[in-house]
Amino acid sequence: MRGEIQAERDMEGYLVDPEAWNDEIAHELAAEERLELSDGYWPILHFMRDYWHENQVTPDVRHVVAFLADNQGMDKKVAKDQLFELFPYGYVQQACKIAGMIKPRAWSTG
């Protein structure tokens, strides 16, 4: 059984400080979303983390789709479908939260 997340979060459960994120927190956040992180999740989560470290901003969904398309040699539509298959409740609701991003303000997620 997993323990309580030892990082400050906002009212919706997003990390307040993305630097507090680690793989264990990712597993715990995923469990709260009723997801179990398999191998398919980690390249996405690590890309998001790397993007954040480089730019100090949450990557837009189009950046993640482009990463998947380039990384796995697939069409962008197929990549987007794969992303939303892994995170069925949406990019912001699940992928951003599990990757330890601060909740993005209003911008396009699709």
C-alpha atoms as a PDB file:
ATOM      1  CA  MET A   1       0.000   0.000   0.000  1.00  0.00           C
ATOM      2  CA  ARG A   2       1.280   3.447  -0.892  1.00  0.00           C
ATOM      3  CA  GLY A   3       1.675   6.220   1.644  1.00  0.00           C
ATOM      4  CA  GLU A   4       0.569   9.814   1.671  1.00  0.00           C
ATOM      5  CA  ILE A   5       2.294  12.131  -0.791  1.00  0.00           C
ATOM      6  CA  GLN A   6       4.961  14.133   1.013  1.00  0.00           C
ATOM      7  CA  ALA A   7       4.784  17.257  -1.163  1.00  0.00           C
ATOM      8  CA  GLU A   8       2.676  20.396  -0.949  1.00  0.00           C
ATOM      9  CA  ARG A   9      -0.303  20.374  -3.293  1.00  0.00           C
ATOM     10  CA  ASP A  10      -2.989  22.830  -4.318  1.00  0.00           C
ATOM     11  CA  MET A  11      -6.730  22.367  -3.738  1.00  0.00           C
ATOM     12  CA  GLU A  12      -7.012  20.184  -6.870  1.00  0.00           C
ATOM     13  CA  GLY A  13      -4.070  17.947  -6.014  1.00  0.00           C
ATOM     14  CA  TYR A  14      -1.398  19.439  -8.316  1.00  0.00           C
ATOM     15  CA  LEU A  15       2.096  19.909  -6.895  1.00  0.00           C
ATOM     16  CA  VAL A  16       2.818  23.456  -5.792  1.00  0.00           C
ATOM     17  CA  ASP A  17       6.544  22.986  -6.491  1.00  0.00           C
ATOM     18  CA  PRO A  18       7.412  20.812  -9.508  1.00  0.00           C
ATOM     19  CA  GLU A  19      10.893  20.296  -8.007  1.00  0.00           C
ATOM     20  CA  ALA A  20       9.279  18.136  -5.290  1.00  0.00           C
ATOM     21  CA  TRP A  21       8.357  15.492  -7.906  1.00  0.00           C
ATOM     22  CA  ASN A  22       9.931  12.043  -8.079  1.00  0.00           C
ATOM     23  CA  ASP A  23       8.954   8.637  -9.450  1.00  0.00           C
ATOM     24  CA  GLU A  24       7.307   7.584  -6.184  1.00  0.00           C
ATOM     25  CA  ILE A  25       5.129  10.706  -6.176  1.00  0.00           C
ATOM     26  CA  ALA A  26       4.224   9.959  -9.797  1.00  0.00           C
ATOM     27  CA  HIS A  27       3.042   6.482  -8.782  1.00  0.00           C
ATOM     28  CA  GLU A  28       0.977   7.935  -5.939  1.00  0.00           C
ATOM     29  CA  LEU A  29      -0.591  10.656  -8.101  1.00  0.00           C
ATOM     30  CA  ALA A  30      -1.379   8.048 -10.757  1.00  0.00           C
ATOM     31  CA  ALA A  31      -3.013   5.793  -8.160  1.00  0.00           C
ATOM     32  CA  GLU A  32      -5.252   8.703  -7.139  1.00  0.00           C
ATOM     33  CA  GLU A  33      -6.293   8.916 -10.806  1.00  0.00           C
ATOM     34  CA  ARG A  34      -6.852   5.134 -10.856  1.00  0.00           C
ATOM     35  CA  LEU A  35      -3.947   4.596 -13.241  1.00  0.00           C
ATOM     36  CA  GLU A  36      -1.038   2.203 -12.874  1.00  0.00           C
ATOM     37  CA  LEU A  37       2.111   3.508 -14.511  1.00  0.00           C
ATOM     38  CA  SER A  38       3.404   0.980 -17.018  1.00  0.00           C
ATOM     39  CA  ASP A  39       6.340   1.410 -19.409  1.00  0.00           C
ATOM     40  CA  GLY A  40       4.261   3.462 -21.866  1.00  0.00           C
ATOM     41  CA  TYR A  41       3.817   6.318 -19.392  1.00  0.00           C
ATOM     42  CA  TRP A  42       7.432   7.003 -18.444  1.00  0.00           C
ATOM     43  CA  PRO A  43       8.733   8.464 -21.733  1.00  0.00           C
ATOM     44  CA  ILE A  44       5.850  10.961 -21.669  1.00  0.00           C
ATOM     45  CA  LEU A  45       6.344  11.880 -18.013  1.00  0.00           C
ATOM     46  CA  HIS A  46      10.115  12.244 -18.414  1.00  0.00           C
ATOM     47  CA  PHE A  47       9.702  14.327 -21.579  1.00  0.00           C
ATOM     48  CA  MET A  48       7.333  16.629 -19.682  1.00  0.00           C
ATOM     49  CA  ARG A  49       9.799  16.885 -16.796  1.00  0.00           C
ATOM     50  CA  ASP A  50      12.734  17.601 -19.128  1.00  0.00           C
ATOM     51  CA  TYR A  51      10.694  20.226 -20.987  1.00  0.00           C
ATOM     52  CA  TRP A  52       9.765  21.884 -17.697  1.00  0.00           C
ATOM     53  CA  HIS A  53      13.380  21.899 -16.490  1.00  0.00           C
ATOM     54  CA  GLU A  54      14.525  23.466 -19.758  1.00  0.00           C
ATOM     55  CA  ASN A  55      11.706  26.024 -20.158  1.00  0.00           C
ATOM     56  CA  GLN A  56      10.232  26.450 -16.641  1.00  0.00           C
ATOM     57  CA  VAL A  57       6.751  26.035 -18.142  1.00  0.00           C
ATOM     58  CA  THR A  58       4.377  23.100 -18.554  1.00  0.00           C
ATOM     59  CA  PRO A  59       4.591  21.736 -22.101  1.00  0.00           C
ATOM     60  CA  ASP A  60       1.486  22.163 -24.195  1.00  0.00           C
ATOM     61  CA  VAL A  61      -0.164  18.949 -25.370  1.00  0.00           C
ATOM     62  CA  ARG A  62       1.086  19.614 -28.925  1.00  0.00           C
ATOM     63  CA  HIS A  63       4.691  19.372 -27.669  1.00  0.00           C
ATOM     64  CA  VAL A  64       3.997  15.987 -26.098  1.00  0.00           C
ATOM     65  CA  VAL A  65       2.216  14.744 -29.241  1.00  0.00           C
ATOM     66  CA  ALA A  66       5.166  15.896 -31.383  1.00  0.00           C
ATOM     67  CA  PHE A  67       7.561  14.122 -28.996  1.00  0.00           C
ATOM     68  CA  LEU A  68       5.574  10.882 -29.227  1.00  0.00           C
ATOM     69  CA  ALA A  69       5.316  11.120 -33.003  1.00  0.00           C
ATOM     70  CA  ASP A  70       9.057  11.736 -33.386  1.00  0.00           C
ATOM     71  CA  ASN A  71      10.154   9.316 -30.671  1.00  0.00           C
ATOM     72  CA  GLN A  72       7.980   6.421 -31.838  1.00  0.00           C
ATOM     73  CA  GLY A  73       7.875   7.212 -35.549  1.00  0.00           C
ATOM     74  CA  MET A  74       4.124   7.582 -35.739  1.00  0.00           C
ATOM     75  CA  ASP A  75       1.588   9.954 -37.229  1.00  0.00           C
ATOM     76  CA  LYS A  76       0.614  12.858 -34.931  1.00  0.00           C
ATOM     77  CA  LYS A  77      -3.032  11.748 -34.871  1.00  0.00           C
ATOM     78  CA  VAL A  78      -1.972   8.269 -33.740  1.00  0.00           C
ATOM     79  CA  ALA A  79       0.330   9.860 -31.139  1.00  0.00           C
ATOM     80  CA  LYS A  80      -2.505  12.038 -29.818  1.00  0.00           C
ATOM     81  CA  ASP A  81      -4.814   9.025 -29.657  1.00  0.00           C
ATOM     82  CA  GLN A  82      -2.149   7.110 -27.723  1.00  0.00           C
ATOM     83  CA  LEU A  83      -1.698   9.998 -25.291  1.00  0.00           C
ATOM     84  CA  PHE A  84      -5.432  10.135 -24.561  1.00  0.00           C
ATOM     85  CA  GLU A  85      -5.623   6.353 -24.293  1.00  0.00           C
ATOM     86  CA  LEU A  86      -3.003   6.477 -21.541  1.00  0.00           C
ATOM     87  CA  PHE A  87      -4.601   9.517 -19.881  1.00  0.00           C
ATOM     88  CA  PRO A  88      -8.334   9.054 -20.563  1.00  0.00           C
ATOM     89  CA  TYR A  89      -9.445  11.973 -18.382  1.00  0.00           C
ATOM     90  CA  GLY A  90      -7.264  14.380 -20.310  1.00  0.00           C
ATOM     91  CA  TYR A  91      -3.847  15.874 -20.594  1.00  0.00           C
ATOM     92  CA  VAL A  92      -4.238  18.545 -17.899  1.00  0.00           C
ATOM     93  CA  GLN A  93      -6.314  16.433 -15.504  1.00  0.00           C
ATOM     94  CA  GLN A  94      -3.991  13.443 -15.522  1.00  0.00           C
ATOM     95  CA  ALA A  95      -0.727  13.813 -17.465  1.00  0.00           C
ATOM     96  CA  CYS A  96       0.155  17.245 -16.067  1.00  0.00           C
ATOM     97  CA  LYS A  97      -0.808  16.264 -12.537  1.00  0.00           C
ATOM     98  CA  ILE A  98       1.097  12.966 -12.566  1.00  0.00           C
ATOM     99  CA  ALA A  99       4.178  14.642 -14.119  1.00  0.00           C
ATOM    100  CA  GLY A 100       4.222  17.066 -11.190  1.00  0.00           C
ATOM    101  CA  MET A 101       3.350  20.170 -13.158  1.00  0.00           C
ATOM    102  CA  ILE A 102       1.678  23.197 -11.598  1.00  0.00           C
ATOM    103  CA  LYS A 103      -1.899  23.201 -12.907  1.00  0.00           C
ATOM    104  CA  PRO A 104      -1.762  25.006 -16.243  1.00  0.00           C
ATOM    105  CA  ARG A 105      -3.913  28.089 -16.633  1.00  0.00           C
ATOM    106  CA  ALA A 106      -6.453  28.205 -19.443  1.00  0.00           C
ATOM    107  CA  TRP A 107      -4.890  27.137 -22.720  1.00  0.00           C
ATOM    108  CA  SER A 108      -5.689  24.643 -25.401  1.00  0.00           C
ATOM    109  CA  THR A 109      -5.236  21.018 -24.438  1.00  0.00           C
ATOM    110  CA  GLY A 110      -6.010  19.506 -27.756  1.00  0.00           C
END
